[in-house]
Amino acid sequence: MKTGSTTNLFLMKKIKLEIVGLSFSQTQSGAYALVLGEEVGQRRLPIIIGGYEAQAIAVELENMTPSRPLTHDLFKNFASAYDIQITEIIIYNLKEGIFYAKLICSNGDKIQEIDARTSDAIAMAVRFNCPIYTYEFILSQAGIMLDENAVQTDEPKIIERAPAEKEKKKGKESGEYSSQTIEELKENLMRAIDEEAYERASKIRDEISKRKKS
């Protein structure tokens, strides 16, 4: 394992984070805001990521299976084939607004750190089902305190479009899906997944689930 400043970081107390939201960025066109929150605490850590990485995270969180492996799926399959596991992700530094992360990997005998973009690291974390950590100084610099009256949910909130546009299209799509049969919905679901239109697939899946409950 590397020594020096990195080793000193590992002596610091780690703070476990969870994914609490993924939404369209209101400040950067085409970007998304990934929101991480303390497992114990009220602080939130927003990180701006690209659309591809947001899709990779959302696909796994929504339990969708693309017809062909995405890049992060390929990396997981490759690592697993050689008995390499990612045991944890650490967001270890913040410089000039850029977050730095590491994958902590193990083959059972050796532990190795691999530097990674934070968005890629988290996309791998959700695939390996491993914990995400950071340090107090990062939360102190970039964390946002959640309003104590805010409603808490157990599931990450996934939004992939700006609110105004999302609501406009939601009404149109809801009417379209409600008029389709279960068979048509299932066909459209498979088509959406094949086209990698995961947001549309999510809406169709929700319509199918709603029909099954009624």
Protein backbone atom coordinates (compact mmCIF):
# COMPACT_ATOMS: atom_id res chain seq x y z
CA MET A 1 0.00 0.00 0.00
CA LYS A 2 1.22 3.49 -0.65
CA THR A 3 2.85 5.44 2.16
CA GLY A 4 3.21 9.11 3.00
CA SER A 5 0.27 11.52 2.89
CA THR A 6 -2.15 8.81 1.79
CA THR A 7 -1.26 6.69 4.81
CA ASN A 8 -1.90 9.70 7.06
CA LEU A 9 -5.38 10.00 5.57
CA PHE A 10 -6.16 6.43 6.56
CA LEU A 11 -5.36 7.32 10.16
CA MET A 12 -8.18 9.87 10.10
CA LYS A 13 -11.70 8.87 11.05
CA LYS A 14 -13.78 7.98 8.00
CA ILE A 15 -17.38 9.15 7.63
CA LYS A 16 -19.73 6.80 5.80
CA LEU A 17 -21.87 8.29 3.05
CA GLU A 18 -24.98 7.11 1.23
CA ILE A 19 -26.47 8.16 -2.11
CA VAL A 20 -29.55 10.23 -1.35
CA GLY A 21 -30.24 11.92 -4.68
CA LEU A 22 -29.37 12.21 -8.35
CA SER A 23 -30.88 15.15 -10.19
CA PHE A 24 -30.46 17.36 -13.22
CA SER A 25 -28.00 20.15 -12.42
CA GLN A 26 -29.56 23.61 -12.26
CA THR A 27 -26.18 25.30 -12.72
CA GLN A 28 -24.44 23.35 -15.49
CA SER A 29 -26.16 22.38 -18.72
CA GLY A 30 -26.01 18.65 -19.43
CA ALA A 31 -24.60 17.85 -15.99
CA TYR A 32 -26.14 16.12 -13.00
CA ALA A 33 -25.94 16.64 -9.26
CA LEU A 34 -25.13 13.54 -7.25
CA VAL A 35 -26.01 14.08 -3.61
CA LEU A 36 -24.33 12.03 -0.89
CA GLY A 37 -25.40 12.17 2.73
CA GLU A 38 -23.91 11.17 6.06
CA GLU A 39 -25.16 7.80 7.26
CA VAL A 40 -25.40 9.40 10.71
CA GLY A 41 -25.94 13.15 10.45
CA GLN A 42 -27.70 15.85 8.48
CA ARG A 43 -24.99 17.01 6.10
CA ARG A 44 -25.22 16.49 2.36
CA LEU A 45 -22.35 16.48 -0.13
CA PRO A 46 -23.41 17.53 -3.67
CA ILE A 47 -21.06 16.53 -6.50
CA ILE A 48 -21.53 17.62 -10.12
CA ILE A 49 -21.03 14.71 -12.55
CA GLY A 50 -21.45 14.06 -16.26
CA GLY A 51 -24.50 12.60 -17.93
CA TYR A 52 -22.84 9.28 -18.80
CA GLU A 53 -21.70 8.69 -15.23
CA ALA A 54 -25.13 9.71 -13.91
CA GLN A 55 -26.72 7.16 -16.23
CA ALA A 56 -24.29 4.47 -15.06
CA ILE A 57 -25.21 5.13 -11.43
CA ALA A 58 -28.95 5.42 -12.09
CA VAL A 59 -29.06 2.16 -14.06
CA GLU A 60 -27.65 0.23 -11.10
CA LEU A 61 -29.78 2.02 -8.50
CA GLU A 62 -32.89 1.31 -10.56
CA ASN A 63 -31.94 -2.38 -10.96
CA MET A 64 -32.01 -2.22 -14.73
CA THR A 65 -30.09 -4.62 -16.97
CA PRO A 66 -28.85 -3.18 -20.29
CA SER A 67 -28.84 -5.51 -23.27
CA ARG A 68 -25.06 -5.09 -23.44
CA PRO A 69 -22.68 -4.28 -20.54
CA LEU A 70 -21.92 -0.61 -19.91
CA THR A 71 -18.29 0.38 -19.35
CA HIS A 72 -18.59 0.16 -15.55
CA ASP A 73 -20.28 -3.24 -15.86
CA LEU A 74 -17.39 -4.43 -18.04
CA PHE A 75 -14.89 -3.26 -15.42
CA LYS A 76 -16.78 -5.13 -12.68
CA ASN A 77 -17.00 -8.31 -14.77
CA PHE A 78 -13.29 -8.10 -15.57
CA ALA A 79 -12.32 -7.57 -11.92
CA SER A 80 -14.61 -10.35 -10.69
CA ALA A 81 -13.17 -12.76 -13.25
CA TYR A 82 -9.79 -12.36 -11.53
CA ASP A 83 -11.23 -12.46 -7.99
CA ILE A 84 -10.65 -8.76 -7.41
CA GLN A 85 -13.16 -6.98 -5.21
CA ILE A 86 -13.61 -3.29 -4.49
CA THR A 87 -14.00 -3.19 -0.72
CA GLU A 88 -14.62 0.54 -0.29
CA ILE A 89 -14.53 3.93 -1.95
CA ILE A 90 -12.88 6.92 -0.28
CA ILE A 91 -13.40 10.52 -1.34
CA TYR A 92 -10.11 11.64 0.14
CA ASN A 93 -9.49 15.19 -1.05
CA LEU A 94 -11.03 18.37 -2.40
CA LYS A 95 -8.96 20.89 -4.36
CA GLU A 96 -10.31 23.91 -6.20
CA GLY A 97 -13.79 22.41 -6.27
CA ILE A 98 -12.64 19.02 -7.58
CA PHE A 99 -13.21 15.88 -5.51
CA TYR A 100 -10.58 13.15 -5.51
CA ALA A 101 -11.44 9.51 -4.87
CA LYS A 102 -9.79 6.12 -4.58
CA LEU A 103 -10.94 2.56 -5.09
CA ILE A 104 -9.67 0.24 -2.37
CA CYS A 105 -9.28 -3.14 -4.05
CA SER A 106 -8.37 -6.58 -2.73
CA ASN A 107 -7.70 -10.00 -4.21
CA GLY A 108 -7.66 -11.64 -0.78
CA ASP A 109 -3.89 -11.33 -0.37
CA LYS A 110 -3.04 -7.81 -1.45
CA ILE A 111 -4.78 -4.47 -0.99
CA GLN A 112 -4.29 -1.88 -3.71
CA GLU A 113 -5.43 1.73 -4.04
CA ILE A 114 -6.51 2.97 -7.47
CA ASP A 115 -7.07 6.64 -8.15
CA ALA A 116 -10.37 7.43 -9.89
CA ARG A 117 -12.76 10.21 -10.73
CA THR A 118 -15.35 10.42 -7.97
CA SER A 119 -18.23 9.78 -10.38
CA ASP A 120 -16.57 6.61 -11.71
CA ALA A 121 -15.70 5.48 -8.19
CA ILE A 122 -19.31 5.76 -7.07
CA ALA A 123 -20.54 4.01 -10.22
CA MET A 124 -18.29 1.12 -9.20
CA ALA A 125 -19.36 1.30 -5.54
CA VAL A 126 -23.00 0.67 -6.41
CA ARG A 127 -21.99 -2.31 -8.54
CA PHE A 128 -19.77 -3.88 -5.90
CA ASN A 129 -22.21 -2.90 -3.16
CA CYS A 130 -19.34 -1.46 -1.14
CA PRO A 131 -19.35 1.48 1.30
CA ILE A 132 -18.49 5.05 0.37
CA TYR A 133 -16.46 7.13 2.81
CA THR A 134 -15.03 10.62 3.14
CA TYR A 135 -13.33 12.72 5.81
CA GLU A 136 -14.53 15.46 8.13
CA PHE A 137 -12.48 18.19 6.48
CA ILE A 138 -14.21 17.54 3.15
CA LEU A 139 -17.70 17.65 4.67
CA SER A 140 -16.72 20.80 6.56
CA GLN A 141 -15.64 22.48 3.32
CA ALA A 142 -18.30 21.30 0.90
CA GLY A 143 -21.09 19.79 2.98
CA ILE A 144 -24.55 21.35 3.18
CA MET A 145 -26.65 21.04 6.33
CA LEU A 146 -30.04 19.49 5.64
CA ASP A 147 -33.09 21.30 6.98
CA GLU A 148 -34.23 19.37 10.06
CA ASN A 149 -37.83 19.64 8.82
CA ALA A 150 -36.99 18.10 5.45
CA VAL A 151 -38.72 14.84 4.65
CA GLN A 152 -36.42 11.82 4.87
CA THR A 153 -36.77 8.85 2.53
CA ASP A 154 -35.07 5.47 2.48
CA GLU A 155 -34.64 5.36 -1.28
CA PRO A 156 -32.37 7.59 -3.41
CA LYS A 157 -34.31 10.18 -5.35
CA ILE A 158 -33.60 9.84 -9.05
CA ILE A 159 -34.54 12.73 -11.33
CA GLU A 160 -33.08 13.00 -14.80
CA ARG A 161 -34.57 16.19 -16.16
CA ALA A 162 -34.99 19.79 -15.09
CA PRO A 163 -38.20 20.11 -12.98
CA ALA A 164 -40.25 22.22 -15.40
CA GLU A 165 -39.40 20.05 -18.39
CA LYS A 166 -39.81 16.88 -16.33
CA GLU A 167 -43.33 17.77 -15.19
CA LYS A 168 -44.40 18.75 -18.70
CA LYS A 169 -43.23 15.50 -20.23
CA LYS A 170 -44.39 13.42 -17.27
CA GLY A 171 -48.01 14.33 -17.92
CA LYS A 172 -47.72 13.49 -21.60
CA GLU A 173 -46.00 10.15 -20.98
CA SER A 174 -48.35 9.15 -18.17
CA GLY A 175 -51.33 9.48 -20.49
CA GLU A 176 -49.54 7.55 -23.21
CA TYR A 177 -48.56 4.66 -20.94
CA SER A 178 -51.93 4.43 -19.21
CA SER A 179 -53.61 3.60 -22.50
CA GLN A 180 -51.25 0.71 -23.28
CA THR A 181 -51.80 -2.94 -22.40
CA ILE A 182 -49.41 -4.83 -20.12
CA GLU A 183 -47.99 -6.64 -23.15
CA GLU A 184 -47.34 -3.35 -24.94
CA LEU A 185 -45.72 -1.90 -21.84
CA LYS A 186 -43.40 -4.88 -21.50
CA GLU A 187 -42.39 -4.63 -25.16
CA ASN A 188 -41.75 -0.91 -24.81
CA LEU A 189 -39.75 -1.54 -21.62
CA MET A 190 -37.41 -3.93 -23.42
CA ARG A 191 -37.11 -1.49 -26.33
CA ALA A 192 -36.26 1.39 -23.99
CA ILE A 193 -33.57 -0.69 -22.26
CA ASP A 194 -32.09 -1.75 -25.60
CA GLU A 195 -31.98 1.91 -26.67
CA GLU A 196 -30.40 2.80 -23.28
CA ALA A 197 -33.29 5.21 -22.63
CA TYR A 198 -33.24 4.40 -18.95
CA GLU A 199 -35.38 7.26 -17.75
CA ARG A 200 -38.18 6.19 -20.12
CA ALA A 201 -37.68 2.58 -19.03
CA SER A 202 -38.07 3.63 -15.40
CA LYS A 203 -41.41 5.32 -16.11
CA ILE A 204 -42.70 2.29 -18.03
CA ARG A 205 -41.58 -0.02 -15.24
CA ASP A 206 -43.44 2.15 -12.72
CA GLU A 207 -46.60 1.91 -14.83
CA ILE A 208 -46.28 -1.88 -14.95
CA SER A 209 -45.80 -2.04 -11.19
CA LYS A 210 -48.83 0.17 -10.65
CA ARG A 211 -50.98 -2.13 -12.80
CA LYS A 212 -49.86 -5.21 -10.84
CA LYS A 213 -50.85 -3.61 -7.54
CA SER A 214 -54.29 -2.56 -8.73
